[in-house]
C-alpha atoms as a PDB file:
ATOM      1  CA  UNK A   1     -14.402  -1.820 -76.636  1.00  0.00           C
ATOM      2  CA  UNK A   2     -17.463  -1.980 -78.868  1.00  0.00           C
ATOM      3  CA  UNK A   3     -19.263   1.231 -79.684  1.00  0.00           C
ATOM      4  CA  UNK A   4     -22.573   1.913 -81.331  1.00  0.00           C
ATOM      5  CA  UNK A   5     -26.185   1.481 -80.324  1.00  0.00           C
ATOM      6  CA  UNK A   6     -25.799  -2.056 -78.975  1.00  0.00           C
ATOM      7  CA  UNK A   7     -23.078  -1.128 -76.493  1.00  0.00           C
ATOM      8  CA  UNK A   8     -24.851   2.044 -75.406  1.00  0.00           C
ATOM      9  CA  UNK A   9     -28.378   0.667 -75.140  1.00  0.00           C
ATOM     10  CA  UNK A  10     -28.086  -2.926 -73.989  1.00  0.00           C
ATOM     11  CA  UNK A  11     -26.865  -3.613 -70.500  1.00  0.00           C
ATOM     12  CA  UNK A  12     -24.663  -6.677 -69.938  1.00  0.00           C
ATOM     13  CA  UNK A  13     -26.896  -7.874 -67.099  1.00  0.00           C
ATOM     14  CA  UNK A  14     -30.171  -7.074 -65.405  1.00  0.00           C
ATOM     15  CA  UNK A  15     -33.799  -7.416 -66.441  1.00  0.00           C
ATOM     16  CA  UNK A  16     -33.376  -5.976 -69.944  1.00  0.00           C
ATOM     17  CA  UNK A  17     -30.067  -7.657 -70.816  1.00  0.00           C
ATOM     18  CA  UNK A  18     -30.338  -9.789 -73.958  1.00  0.00           C
ATOM     19  CA  UNK A  19     -28.975 -13.316 -74.210  1.00  0.00           C
ATOM     20  CA  UNK A  20     -25.267 -13.399 -74.990  1.00  0.00           C
ATOM     21  CA  UNK A  21     -22.537 -15.940 -75.561  1.00  0.00           C
ATOM     22  CA  UNK A  22     -18.966 -14.712 -75.161  1.00  0.00           C
ATOM     23  CA  UNK A  23     -20.284 -11.156 -75.120  1.00  0.00           C
ATOM     24  CA  UNK A  24     -22.100 -11.488 -78.454  1.00  0.00           C
ATOM     25  CA  UNK A  25     -25.865 -11.265 -78.835  1.00  0.00           C
ATOM     26  CA  UNK A  26     -27.573 -14.601 -79.428  1.00  0.00           C
ATOM     27  CA  UNK A  27     -30.418 -14.916 -81.927  1.00  0.00           C
ATOM     28  CA  UNK A  28     -32.121 -18.246 -82.593  1.00  0.00           C
ATOM     29  CA  UNK A  29     -34.201 -17.173 -85.582  1.00  0.00           C
ATOM     30  CA  UNK A  30     -34.068 -14.535 -88.333  1.00  0.00           C
ATOM     31  CA  UNK A  31     -37.132 -12.707 -86.980  1.00  0.00           C
ATOM     32  CA  UNK A  32     -35.227 -11.988 -83.778  1.00  0.00           C
ATOM     33  CA  UNK A  33     -32.433 -10.168 -85.590  1.00  0.00           C
ATOM     34  CA  UNK A  34     -34.984  -8.286 -87.660  1.00  0.00           C
ATOM     35  CA  UNK A  35     -37.038  -7.036 -84.726  1.00  0.00           C
ATOM     36  CA  UNK A  36     -33.842  -6.070 -82.923  1.00  0.00           C
ATOM     37  CA  UNK A  37     -32.626  -4.166 -85.995  1.00  0.00           C
ATOM     38  CA  UNK A  38     -35.983  -2.465 -86.545  1.00  0.00           C
ATOM     39  CA  UNK A  39     -36.110  -1.353 -82.917  1.00  0.00           C
ATOM     40  CA  UNK A  40     -32.593   0.079 -82.969  1.00  0.00           C
ATOM     41  CA  UNK A  41     -33.182   1.772 -86.346  1.00  0.00           C
ATOM     42  CA  UNK A  42     -36.330   3.498 -85.083  1.00  0.00           C
ATOM     43  CA  UNK A  43     -34.497   4.587 -81.941  1.00  0.00           C
ATOM     44  CA  UNK A  44     -31.592   5.968 -83.967  1.00  0.00           C
ATOM     45  CA  UNK A  45     -34.113   7.828 -86.156  1.00  0.00           C
ATOM     46  CA  UNK A  46     -35.382   9.559 -83.021  1.00  0.00           C
ATOM     47  CA  UNK A  47     -38.808   7.922 -83.086  1.00  0.00           C
ATOM     48  CA  UNK A  48     -38.769   7.059 -79.357  1.00  0.00           C
ATOM     49  CA  UNK A  49     -36.712   7.374 -76.185  1.00  0.00           C
ATOM     50  CA  UNK A  50     -34.831   4.227 -75.212  1.00  0.00           C
ATOM     51  CA  UNK A  51     -36.093   4.254 -71.585  1.00  0.00           C
ATOM     52  CA  UNK A  52     -39.653   4.034 -72.961  1.00  0.00           C
ATOM     53  CA  UNK A  53     -38.768   0.830 -74.781  1.00  0.00           C
ATOM     54  CA  UNK A  54     -36.889  -0.541 -71.783  1.00  0.00           C
ATOM     55  CA  UNK A  55     -39.935  -0.003 -69.566  1.00  0.00           C
ATOM     56  CA  UNK A  56     -42.138  -1.912 -72.005  1.00  0.00           C
ATOM     57  CA  UNK A  57     -39.547  -4.674 -72.158  1.00  0.00           C
ATOM     58  CA  UNK A  58     -39.493  -4.949 -68.373  1.00  0.00           C
ATOM     59  CA  UNK A  59     -43.297  -5.114 -68.371  1.00  0.00           C
ATOM     60  CA  UNK A  60     -43.316  -7.801 -71.090  1.00  0.00           C
ATOM     61  CA  UNK A  61     -40.770  -9.875 -69.180  1.00  0.00           C
ATOM     62  CA  UNK A  62     -42.906  -9.616 -66.027  1.00  0.00           C
ATOM     63  CA  UNK A  63     -45.968 -10.818 -67.961  1.00  0.00           C
ATOM     64  CA  UNK A  64     -44.039 -13.763 -69.427  1.00  0.00           C
ATOM     65  CA  UNK A  65     -42.559 -14.693 -66.045  1.00  0.00           C
ATOM     66  CA  UNK A  66     -46.009 -14.560 -64.408  1.00  0.00           C
ATOM     67  CA  UNK A  67     -47.425 -16.780 -67.152  1.00  0.00           C
ATOM     68  CA  UNK A  68     -44.636 -19.320 -66.581  1.00  0.00           C
ATOM     69  CA  UNK A  69     -45.285 -19.312 -62.842  1.00  0.00           C
ATOM     70  CA  UNK A  70     -49.002 -19.860 -63.426  1.00  0.00           C
ATOM     71  CA  UNK A  71     -48.503 -22.583 -66.032  1.00  0.00           C
ATOM     72  CA  UNK A  72     -44.909 -23.912 -66.120  1.00  0.00           C
ATOM     73  CA  UNK A  73     -43.747 -25.500 -69.345  1.00  0.00           C
ATOM     74  CA  UNK A  74     -41.698 -28.680 -68.910  1.00  0.00           C
ATOM     75  CA  UNK A  75     -38.115 -28.249 -70.028  1.00  0.00           C
ATOM     76  CA  UNK A  76     -38.335 -24.458 -70.159  1.00  0.00           C
ATOM     77  CA  UNK A  77     -35.724 -22.622 -68.153  1.00  0.00           C
ATOM     78  CA  UNK A  78     -37.448 -19.259 -68.397  1.00  0.00           C
ATOM     79  CA  UNK A  79     -39.192 -16.798 -70.609  1.00  0.00           C
ATOM     80  CA  UNK A  80     -38.312 -16.224 -74.260  1.00  0.00           C
ATOM     81  CA  UNK A  81     -36.353 -12.962 -74.222  1.00  0.00           C
ATOM     82  CA  UNK A  82     -36.939 -12.131 -77.883  1.00  0.00           C
ATOM     83  CA  UNK A  83     -40.676 -12.826 -77.578  1.00  0.00           C
ATOM     84  CA  UNK A  84     -40.678 -10.269 -74.766  1.00  0.00           C
ATOM     85  CA  UNK A  85     -38.732  -7.861 -76.991  1.00  0.00           C
ATOM     86  CA  UNK A  86     -41.342  -8.345 -79.712  1.00  0.00           C
ATOM     87  CA  UNK A  87     -44.175  -7.687 -77.258  1.00  0.00           C
ATOM     88  CA  UNK A  88     -42.437  -4.497 -76.111  1.00  0.00           C
ATOM     89  CA  UNK A  89     -41.965  -3.393 -79.714  1.00  0.00           C
ATOM     90  CA  UNK A  90     -45.633  -4.080 -80.489  1.00  0.00           C
ATOM     91  CA  UNK A  91     -46.725  -1.960 -77.518  1.00  0.00           C
ATOM     92  CA  UNK A  92     -44.435   0.894 -78.558  1.00  0.00           C
ATOM     93  CA  UNK A  93     -45.586   0.736 -82.199  1.00  0.00           C
ATOM     94  CA  UNK A  94     -49.211   0.767 -81.121  1.00  0.00           C
ATOM     95  CA  UNK A  95     -48.704   3.677 -78.742  1.00  0.00           C
ATOM     96  CA  UNK A  96     -46.815   5.771 -81.306  1.00  0.00           C
ATOM     97  CA  UNK A  97     -49.272   4.949 -84.071  1.00  0.00           C
ATOM     98  CA  UNK A  98     -46.726   3.255 -86.337  1.00  0.00           C
ATOM     99  CA  UNK A  99     -48.963   0.200 -86.526  1.00  0.00           C
ATOM    100  CA  UNK A 100     -51.618  -1.314 -84.321  1.00  0.00           C
ATOM    101  CA  UNK A 101     -50.790  -4.470 -82.417  1.00  0.00           C
ATOM    102  CA  UNK A 102     -53.471  -6.227 -84.494  1.00  0.00           C
ATOM    103  CA  UNK A 103     -51.958  -5.159 -87.826  1.00  0.00           C
ATOM    104  CA  UNK A 104     -48.487  -6.194 -86.640  1.00  0.00           C
ATOM    105  CA  UNK A 105     -49.883  -9.564 -85.576  1.00  0.00           C
ATOM    106  CA  UNK A 106     -51.500 -10.031 -89.005  1.00  0.00           C
ATOM    107  CA  UNK A 107     -48.243  -9.096 -90.783  1.00  0.00           C
ATOM    108  CA  UNK A 108     -46.297 -11.565 -88.645  1.00  0.00           C
ATOM    109  CA  UNK A 109     -48.641 -14.390 -89.652  1.00  0.00           C
ATOM    110  CA  UNK A 110     -48.357 -13.447 -93.330  1.00  0.00           C
ATOM    111  CA  UNK A 111     -44.563 -13.574 -93.070  1.00  0.00           C
ATOM    112  CA  UNK A 112     -44.651 -16.887 -91.183  1.00  0.00           C
ATOM    113  CA  UNK A 113     -46.795 -18.387 -93.974  1.00  0.00           C
ATOM    114  CA  UNK A 114     -44.159 -17.672 -96.623  1.00  0.00           C
ATOM    115  CA  UNK A 115     -42.258 -20.679 -97.913  1.00  0.00           C
ATOM    116  CA  UNK A 116     -38.644 -21.118 -96.835  1.00  0.00           C
ATOM    117  CA  UNK A 117     -36.278 -18.876 -98.785  1.00  0.00           C
ATOM    118  CA  UNK A 118     -38.894 -16.188 -99.422  1.00  0.00           C
ATOM    119  CA  UNK A 119     -37.890 -13.865 -96.622  1.00  0.00           C
ATOM    120  CA  UNK A 120     -37.126 -10.811 -98.735  1.00  0.00           C
END
């Protein structure tokens, strides 16, 4: 059985369960692994309680689901889990004063503008 923060923190099913294939987490882009790692690292450093993050994640998922119901996107089977995770992280960072949602948004756009291969 796997041990560590992933096995303790991430349920296998339910509203906060991440996408998995054969029991392994699924990430479609490097930013997803990075935001996951940053979140877990801050939790392990004692910067927040995991239930606080889970509540924000549930709220973000609800917002994304409501947006899809209001304006469905053809070919989309549901919300983007990692986008919800990012929204939850932004809310937590803003609340704890690590960074405002606006400054995080600006940093994300700066990173997105980097040429391929310049992700360090």
